[in-house]
PDB file of N, CA and C in Angstrom:
ATOM      1  N   MET A   1      24.292  27.964  -6.242  1.00  0.00           N
ATOM      2  CA  MET A   1      22.996  28.790  -6.750  1.00  0.00           C
ATOM      3  C   MET A   1      22.658  28.168  -7.701  1.00  0.00           C
ATOM      4  N   THR A   2      21.327  27.942  -7.819  1.00  0.00           N
ATOM      5  CA  THR A   2      20.872  27.031  -9.307  1.00  0.00           C
ATOM      6  C   THR A   2      20.503  28.475 -10.392  1.00  0.00           C
ATOM      7  N   PHE A   3      20.463  27.769 -11.332  1.00  0.00           N
ATOM      8  CA  PHE A   3      20.281  29.114 -13.109  1.00  0.00           C
ATOM      9  C   PHE A   3      18.539  28.874 -12.347  1.00  0.00           C
ATOM     10  N   GLY A   4      17.447  28.426 -11.809  1.00  0.00           N
ATOM     11  CA  GLY A   4      16.459  29.032 -11.134  1.00  0.00           C
ATOM     12  C   GLY A   4      16.263  30.020 -10.255  1.00  0.00           C
ATOM     13  N   ASN A   5      17.131  30.025  -9.483  1.00  0.00           N
ATOM     14  CA  ASN A   5      17.081  30.963  -8.441  1.00  0.00           C
ATOM     15  C   ASN A   5      18.327  32.483  -8.778  1.00  0.00           C
ATOM     16  N   ARG A   6      18.548  32.265  -9.923  1.00  0.00           N
ATOM     17  CA  ARG A   6      19.365  33.451 -10.241  1.00  0.00           C
ATOM     18  C   ARG A   6      18.689  35.188  -9.940  1.00  0.00           C
ATOM     19  N   TRP A   7      17.731  35.341 -10.424  1.00  0.00           N
ATOM     20  CA  TRP A   7      16.453  36.456 -10.202  1.00  0.00           C
ATOM     21  C   TRP A   7      15.668  35.854  -8.897  1.00  0.00           C
ATOM     22  N   ARG A   8      16.244  36.142  -7.489  1.00  0.00           N
ATOM     23  CA  ARG A   8      15.816  35.763  -6.205  1.00  0.00           C
ATOM     24  C   ARG A   8      14.965  36.962  -6.173  1.00  0.00           C
ATOM     25  N   ARG A   9      14.551  38.022  -6.495  1.00  0.00           N
ATOM     26  CA  ARG A   9      13.372  39.300  -6.376  1.00  0.00           C
ATOM     27  C   ARG A   9      13.527  40.004  -7.694  1.00  0.00           C
ATOM     28  N   PRO A  10      11.599  40.212  -7.973  1.00  0.00           N
ATOM     29  CA  PRO A  10      11.310  40.788  -9.001  1.00  0.00           C
ATOM     30  C   PRO A  10      12.383  42.178  -9.087  1.00  0.00           C
ATOM     31  N   ASP A  11      13.174  42.447  -8.212  1.00  0.00           N
ATOM     32  CA  ASP A  11      13.332  44.184  -8.423  1.00  0.00           C
ATOM     33  C   ASP A  11      15.058  43.848  -8.625  1.00  0.00           C
ATOM     34  N   GLU A  12      15.723  43.286  -8.575  1.00  0.00           N
ATOM     35  CA  GLU A  12      16.854  42.672  -9.335  1.00  0.00           C
ATOM     36  C   GLU A  12      16.741  42.567 -10.553  1.00  0.00           C
ATOM     37  N   ARG A  13      15.646  41.631 -10.952  1.00  0.00           N
ATOM     38  CA  ARG A  13      15.636  41.408 -12.169  1.00  0.00           C
ATOM     39  C   ARG A  13      15.200  42.893 -13.164  1.00  0.00           C
ATOM     40  N   ARG A  14      14.427  43.207 -12.423  1.00  0.00           N
ATOM     41  CA  ARG A  14      14.076  44.865 -13.024  1.00  0.00           C
ATOM     42  C   ARG A  14      15.203  45.551 -13.117  1.00  0.00           C
ATOM     43  N   ALA A  15      15.794  45.843 -12.133  1.00  0.00           N
ATOM     44  CA  ALA A  15      17.219  46.703 -12.330  1.00  0.00           C
ATOM     45  C   ALA A  15      17.985  46.189 -13.201  1.00  0.00           C
ATOM     46  N   GLU A  16      18.505  44.774 -13.479  1.00  0.00           N
ATOM     47  CA  GLU A  16      19.416  44.587 -14.013  1.00  0.00           C
ATOM     48  C   GLU A  16      18.878  45.063 -15.855  1.00  0.00           C
ATOM     49  N   LEU A  17      17.929  44.724 -15.882  1.00  0.00           N
ATOM     50  CA  LEU A  17      17.198  45.287 -17.656  1.00  0.00           C
ATOM     51  C   LEU A  17      16.919  46.720 -17.683  1.00  0.00           C
ATOM     52  N   ARG A  18      17.069  47.095 -16.603  1.00  0.00           N
ATOM     53  CA  ARG A  18      17.400  48.831 -16.771  1.00  0.00           C
ATOM     54  C   ARG A  18      19.027  49.439 -17.137  1.00  0.00           C
ATOM     55  N   ARG A  19      20.006  48.694 -16.711  1.00  0.00           N
ATOM     56  CA  ARG A  19      20.824  48.773 -16.746  1.00  0.00           C
ATOM     57  C   ARG A  19      21.041  48.294 -18.120  1.00  0.00           C
ATOM     58  N   PHE A  20      20.742  47.069 -18.727  1.00  0.00           N
ATOM     59  CA  PHE A  20      21.591  46.611 -20.278  1.00  0.00           C
ATOM     60  C   PHE A  20      20.889  47.149 -21.045  1.00  0.00           C
ATOM     61  N   GLY A  21      19.656  48.179 -20.352  1.00  0.00           N
ATOM     62  CA  GLY A  21      18.807  49.211 -21.552  1.00  0.00           C
ATOM     63  C   GLY A  21      19.585  50.510 -21.661  1.00  0.00           C
ATOM     64  N   GLU A  22      19.962  50.619 -20.318  1.00  0.00           N
ATOM     65  CA  GLU A  22      20.997  52.338 -20.844  1.00  0.00           C
ATOM     66  C   GLU A  22      22.528  51.908 -21.325  1.00  0.00           C
ATOM     67  N   ARG A  23      22.877  50.518 -21.448  1.00  0.00           N
ATOM     68  CA  ARG A  23      24.207  50.327 -21.868  1.00  0.00           C
ATOM     69  C   ARG A  23      23.562  50.191 -23.624  1.00  0.00           C
ATOM     70  N   ILE A  24      22.642  49.902 -24.026  1.00  0.00           N
ATOM     71  CA  ILE A  24      22.010  50.093 -25.277  1.00  0.00           C
ATOM     72  C   ILE A  24      22.218  51.549 -25.856  1.00  0.00           C
ATOM     73  N   ARG A  25      21.342  52.418 -25.127  1.00  0.00           N
ATOM     74  CA  ARG A  25      20.866  53.825 -25.048  1.00  0.00           C
ATOM     75  C   ARG A  25      22.284  54.355 -25.237  1.00  0.00           C
ATOM     76  N   GLU A  26      23.262  54.351 -24.572  1.00  0.00           N
ATOM     77  CA  GLU A  26      24.593  54.776 -24.584  1.00  0.00           C
ATOM     78  C   GLU A  26      25.332  54.448 -25.839  1.00  0.00           C
ATOM     79  N   HIS A  27      25.473  52.943 -26.042  1.00  0.00           N
ATOM     80  CA  HIS A  27      25.960  53.024 -27.438  1.00  0.00           C
ATOM     81  C   HIS A  27      25.538  53.211 -28.566  1.00  0.00           C
ATOM     82  N   ARG A  28      24.112  53.219 -28.871  1.00  0.00           N
ATOM     83  CA  ARG A  28      23.245  54.017 -29.817  1.00  0.00           C
ATOM     84  C   ARG A  28      23.653  55.629 -30.032  1.00  0.00           C
ATOM     85  N   ARG A  29      23.747  56.283 -28.673  1.00  0.00           N
ATOM     86  CA  ARG A  29      23.854  57.538 -29.219  1.00  0.00           C
ATOM     87  C   ARG A  29      25.498  57.395 -29.556  1.00  0.00           C
ATOM     88  N   LEU A  30      26.417  57.149 -28.761  1.00  0.00           N
ATOM     89  CA  LEU A  30      27.402  56.965 -29.373  1.00  0.00           C
ATOM     90  C   LEU A  30      27.945  57.151 -31.041  1.00  0.00           C
ATOM     91  N   VAL A  31      27.098  55.922 -31.367  1.00  0.00           N
ATOM     92  CA  VAL A  31      27.448  56.226 -32.647  1.00  0.00           C
ATOM     93  C   VAL A  31      26.260  57.206 -33.806  1.00  0.00           C
ATOM     94  N   GLY A  32      25.671  57.371 -32.886  1.00  0.00           N
ATOM     95  CA  GLY A  32      24.674  58.509 -33.739  1.00  0.00           C
ATOM     96  C   GLY A  32      23.490  58.113 -34.376  1.00  0.00           C
ATOM     97  N   MET A  33      23.076  57.008 -33.572  1.00  0.00           N
ATOM     98  CA  MET A  33      21.822  56.283 -33.873  1.00  0.00           C
ATOM     99  C   MET A  33      20.631  56.636 -33.368  1.00  0.00           C
ATOM    100  N   THR A  34      19.752  56.868 -34.057  1.00  0.00           N
ATOM    101  CA  THR A  34      17.874  57.250 -33.362  1.00  0.00           C
ATOM    102  C   THR A  34      17.570  55.902 -33.153  1.00  0.00           C
ATOM    103  N   GLN A  35      16.675  55.967 -32.436  1.00  0.00           N
ATOM    104  CA  GLN A  35      15.755  55.070 -32.214  1.00  0.00           C
ATOM    105  C   GLN A  35      15.209  54.177 -33.287  1.00  0.00           C
ATOM    106  N   GLU A  36      14.873  55.332 -34.079  1.00  0.00           N
ATOM    107  CA  GLU A  36      13.849  54.989 -35.095  1.00  0.00           C
ATOM    108  C   GLU A  36      14.749  54.034 -35.833  1.00  0.00           C
ATOM    109  N   ARG A  37      16.295  54.284 -36.403  1.00  0.00           N
ATOM    110  CA  ARG A  37      16.896  53.705 -37.611  1.00  0.00           C
ATOM    111  C   ARG A  37      17.678  52.602 -36.624  1.00  0.00           C
ATOM    112  N   LEU A  38      17.447  52.505 -35.414  1.00  0.00           N
ATOM    113  CA  LEU A  38      17.595  50.862 -34.907  1.00  0.00           C
ATOM    114  C   LEU A  38      16.725  50.210 -34.921  1.00  0.00           C
ATOM    115  N   ALA A  39      15.124  50.444 -34.927  1.00  0.00           N
ATOM    116  CA  ALA A  39      14.135  49.920 -34.923  1.00  0.00           C
ATOM    117  C   ALA A  39      13.708  49.379 -36.476  1.00  0.00           C
ATOM    118  N   GLU A  40      14.919  50.099 -37.447  1.00  0.00           N
ATOM    119  CA  GLU A  40      14.493  49.718 -38.584  1.00  0.00           C
ATOM    120  C   GLU A  40      15.837  48.908 -39.077  1.00  0.00           C
ATOM    121  N   LEU A  41      16.713  48.644 -38.668  1.00  0.00           N
ATOM    122  CA  LEU A  41      17.884  47.622 -38.999  1.00  0.00           C
ATOM    123  C   LEU A  41      17.642  46.266 -38.208  1.00  0.00           C
ATOM    124  N   LEU A  42      16.833  46.218 -37.243  1.00  0.00           N
ATOM    125  CA  LEU A  42      16.302  45.292 -36.015  1.00  0.00           C
ATOM    126  C   LEU A  42      15.042  44.538 -36.726  1.00  0.00           C
ATOM    127  N   ASP A  43      13.934  45.264 -37.889  1.00  0.00           N
ATOM    128  CA  ASP A  43      12.947  45.296 -38.108  1.00  0.00           C
ATOM    129  C   ASP A  43      11.940  44.735 -37.029  1.00  0.00           C
ATOM    130  N   VAL A  44      12.319  45.733 -36.011  1.00  0.00           N
ATOM    131  CA  VAL A  44      11.460  46.003 -34.553  1.00  0.00           C
ATOM    132  C   VAL A  44      10.340  47.521 -34.784  1.00  0.00           C
ATOM    133  N   SER A  45       9.544  47.358 -33.989  1.00  0.00           N
ATOM    134  CA  SER A  45       9.070  48.730 -33.494  1.00  0.00           C
ATOM    135  C   SER A  45       9.792  49.948 -33.005  1.00  0.00           C
ATOM    136  N   VAL A  46       9.751  51.339 -33.274  1.00  0.00           N
ATOM    137  CA  VAL A  46      10.097  51.962 -32.265  1.00  0.00           C
ATOM    138  C   VAL A  46       9.724  51.938 -31.117  1.00  0.00           C
ATOM    139  N   ALA A  47       8.895  51.414 -30.637  1.00  0.00           N
ATOM    140  CA  ALA A  47       8.132  51.450 -29.378  1.00  0.00           C
ATOM    141  C   ALA A  47       8.842  50.262 -28.451  1.00  0.00           C
ATOM    142  N   TYR A  48       9.104  49.292 -29.306  1.00  0.00           N
ATOM    143  CA  TYR A  48       9.679  47.937 -29.045  1.00  0.00           C
ATOM    144  C   TYR A  48      11.083  48.364 -28.270  1.00  0.00           C
ATOM    145  N   VAL A  49      11.946  49.155 -29.233  1.00  0.00           N
ATOM    146  CA  VAL A  49      13.148  49.559 -28.987  1.00  0.00           C
ATOM    147  C   VAL A  49      13.191  50.658 -27.737  1.00  0.00           C
ATOM    148  N   SER A  50      12.301  51.658 -27.730  1.00  0.00           N
ATOM    149  CA  SER A  50      12.019  52.224 -26.283  1.00  0.00           C
ATOM    150  C   SER A  50      11.749  51.273 -25.488  1.00  0.00           C
ATOM    151  N   LEU A  51      11.286  50.360 -25.155  1.00  0.00           N
ATOM    152  CA  LEU A  51      10.985  49.361 -24.506  1.00  0.00           C
ATOM    153  C   LEU A  51      12.078  49.138 -23.725  1.00  0.00           C
ATOM    154  N   ILE A  52      12.945  48.490 -24.654  1.00  0.00           N
ATOM    155  CA  ILE A  52      13.829  47.356 -24.382  1.00  0.00           C
ATOM    156  C   ILE A  52      15.137  48.200 -23.612  1.00  0.00           C
ATOM    157  N   GLU A  53      15.022  49.850 -24.206  1.00  0.00           N
ATOM    158  CA  GLU A  53      16.019  50.816 -23.425  1.00  0.00           C
ATOM    159  C   GLU A  53      15.847  51.158 -22.340  1.00  0.00           C
ATOM    160  N   ARG A  54      14.121  51.195 -21.932  1.00  0.00           N
ATOM    161  CA  ARG A  54      13.888  51.818 -20.424  1.00  0.00           C
ATOM    162  C   ARG A  54      13.696  50.420 -19.539  1.00  0.00           C
ATOM    163  N   GLY A  55      14.277  49.463 -20.278  1.00  0.00           N
ATOM    164  CA  GLY A  55      14.258  48.265 -18.832  1.00  0.00           C
ATOM    165  C   GLY A  55      12.717  47.408 -18.574  1.00  0.00           C
ATOM    166  N   GLY A  56      12.026  47.660 -20.003  1.00  0.00           N
ATOM    167  CA  GLY A  56      10.586  46.942 -19.473  1.00  0.00           C
ATOM    168  C   GLY A  56      10.537  45.876 -20.404  1.00  0.00           C
ATOM    169  N   ARG A  57      11.394  45.706 -21.107  1.00  0.00           N
ATOM    170  CA  ARG A  57      11.540  44.128 -22.290  1.00  0.00           C
ATOM    171  C   ARG A  57      12.623  42.958 -22.082  1.00  0.00           C
ATOM    172  N   ASN A  58      13.023  41.911 -21.860  1.00  0.00           N
ATOM    173  CA  ASN A  58      14.005  41.362 -21.831  1.00  0.00           C
ATOM    174  C   ASN A  58      13.898  40.455 -23.050  1.00  0.00           C
ATOM    175  N   PRO A  59      14.568  41.121 -24.139  1.00  0.00           N
ATOM    176  CA  PRO A  59      14.593  40.637 -25.644  1.00  0.00           C
ATOM    177  C   PRO A  59      15.557  39.105 -25.266  1.00  0.00           C
ATOM    178  N   PRO A  60      15.289  38.324 -26.516  1.00  0.00           N
ATOM    179  CA  PRO A  60      15.660  37.181 -26.732  1.00  0.00           C
ATOM    180  C   PRO A  60      17.042  37.326 -27.513  1.00  0.00           C
ATOM    181  N   TYR A  61      17.963  36.279 -26.934  1.00  0.00           N
ATOM    182  CA  TYR A  61      19.429  36.343 -27.342  1.00  0.00           C
ATOM    183  C   TYR A  61      19.368  36.582 -28.491  1.00  0.00           C
ATOM    184  N   THR A  62      18.599  36.411 -29.844  1.00  0.00           N
ATOM    185  CA  THR A  62      18.854  36.560 -31.234  1.00  0.00           C
ATOM    186  C   THR A  62      18.608  38.139 -31.713  1.00  0.00           C
ATOM    187  N   THR A  63      17.586  38.551 -30.628  1.00  0.00           N
ATOM    188  CA  THR A  63      17.716  40.457 -30.651  1.00  0.00           C
ATOM    189  C   THR A  63      18.921  41.095 -30.386  1.00  0.00           C
ATOM    190  N   VAL A  64      18.941  40.346 -29.150  1.00  0.00           N
ATOM    191  CA  VAL A  64      20.661  41.090 -28.003  1.00  0.00           C
ATOM    192  C   VAL A  64      21.708  40.926 -29.151  1.00  0.00           C
ATOM    193  N   VAL A  65      22.029  39.979 -30.409  1.00  0.00           N
ATOM    194  CA  VAL A  65      22.792  40.240 -30.894  1.00  0.00           C
ATOM    195  C   VAL A  65      22.589  41.039 -31.778  1.00  0.00           C
ATOM    196  N   ALA A  66      21.760  40.935 -32.669  1.00  0.00           N
ATOM    197  CA  ALA A  66      21.275  41.515 -33.794  1.00  0.00           C
ATOM    198  C   ALA A  66      21.458  43.492 -33.472  1.00  0.00           C
ATOM    199  N   ILE A  67      21.007  43.631 -31.856  1.00  0.00           N
ATOM    200  CA  ILE A  67      21.564  44.736 -31.675  1.00  0.00           C
ATOM    201  C   ILE A  67      22.931  45.057 -31.510  1.00  0.00           C
ATOM    202  N   ALA A  68      23.764  44.297 -30.984  1.00  0.00           N
ATOM    203  CA  ALA A  68      25.275  44.653 -30.939  1.00  0.00           C
ATOM    204  C   ALA A  68      25.925  44.763 -32.497  1.00  0.00           C
ATOM    205  N   ARG A  69      25.306  44.115 -33.052  1.00  0.00           N
ATOM    206  CA  ARG A  69      25.915  43.791 -34.369  1.00  0.00           C
ATOM    207  C   ARG A  69      25.659  45.431 -34.968  1.00  0.00           C
ATOM    208  N   ALA A  70      24.296  45.820 -35.079  1.00  0.00           N
ATOM    209  CA  ALA A  70      23.785  47.112 -35.581  1.00  0.00           C
ATOM    210  C   ALA A  70      24.601  48.273 -34.907  1.00  0.00           C
ATOM    211  N   LEU A  71      24.968  47.882 -33.280  1.00  0.00           N
ATOM    212  CA  LEU A  71      25.609  49.141 -33.074  1.00  0.00           C
ATOM    213  C   LEU A  71      27.503  48.827 -32.875  1.00  0.00           C
ATOM    214  N   GLY A  72      27.653  48.062 -34.232  1.00  0.00           N
ATOM    215  CA  GLY A  72      29.175  47.777 -34.256  1.00  0.00           C
ATOM    216  C   GLY A  72      29.773  47.445 -32.625  1.00  0.00           C
ATOM    217  N   VAL A  73      29.244  46.670 -32.144  1.00  0.00           N
ATOM    218  CA  VAL A  73      29.856  46.190 -30.787  1.00  0.00           C
ATOM    219  C   VAL A  73      29.786  44.846 -30.377  1.00  0.00           C
ATOM    220  N   PRO A  74      30.922  44.164 -29.876  1.00  0.00           N
ATOM    221  CA  PRO A  74      30.602  42.645 -29.291  1.00  0.00           C
ATOM    222  C   PRO A  74      29.069  42.491 -28.257  1.00  0.00           C
ATOM    223  N   PRO A  75      28.661  41.647 -28.397  1.00  0.00           N
ATOM    224  CA  PRO A  75      27.313  41.071 -27.576  1.00  0.00           C
ATOM    225  C   PRO A  75      27.578  41.511 -25.892  1.00  0.00           C
ATOM    226  N   SER A  76      28.975  41.260 -25.871  1.00  0.00           N
ATOM    227  CA  SER A  76      28.981  41.431 -24.443  1.00  0.00           C
ATOM    228  C   SER A  76      29.208  42.680 -23.788  1.00  0.00           C
ATOM    229  N   ARG A  77      29.571  43.496 -24.915  1.00  0.00           N
ATOM    230  CA  ARG A  77      29.706  45.263 -24.366  1.00  0.00           C
ATOM    231  C   ARG A  77      28.504  45.846 -24.387  1.00  0.00           C
ATOM    232  N   ILE A  78      27.267  45.418 -24.462  1.00  0.00           N
ATOM    233  CA  ILE A  78      25.859  45.643 -23.887  1.00  0.00           C
ATOM    234  C   ILE A  78      25.487  44.469 -22.964  1.00  0.00           C
ATOM    235  N   VAL A  79      25.711  43.744 -22.780  1.00  0.00           N
ATOM    236  CA  VAL A  79      25.183  42.286 -21.783  1.00  0.00           C
ATOM    237  C   VAL A  79      25.970  42.767 -20.404  1.00  0.00           C
ATOM    238  N   VAL A  80      27.169  42.852 -20.527  1.00  0.00           N
ATOM    239  CA  VAL A  80      28.273  42.991 -19.195  1.00  0.00           C
ATOM    240  C   VAL A  80      28.294  44.334 -18.696  1.00  0.00           C
ATOM    241  N   ASP A  81      28.157  44.433 -17.289  1.00  0.00           N
ATOM    242  CA  ASP A  81      28.266  45.518 -16.702  1.00  0.00           C
ATOM    243  C   ASP A  81      30.115  45.981 -17.018  1.00  0.00           C
ATOM    244  N   ASP A  82      30.542  47.246 -17.280  1.00  0.00           N
ATOM    245  CA  ASP A  82      31.942  47.376 -17.174  1.00  0.00           C
ATOM    246  C   ASP A  82      32.668  47.460 -16.109  1.00  0.00           C
TER     247      ASP A  82
END
């Protein structure tokens, strides 16, 4: 399989983005952080954090790393399904 065929169907991509967002939300709640505080740490809007958590945005790598740092976890913890 080539990289270009990684997401053969849009519903697969949406499902993975939802799971990604759920992992972020779970870790954010575990550390007792609000969406507002996470947005502040990332210098983004609360609406953007909300969209990511709902699977509505696919943030760039640098944002994923910043989210992980803000939550105190390695990026793999929020990227990869356990």
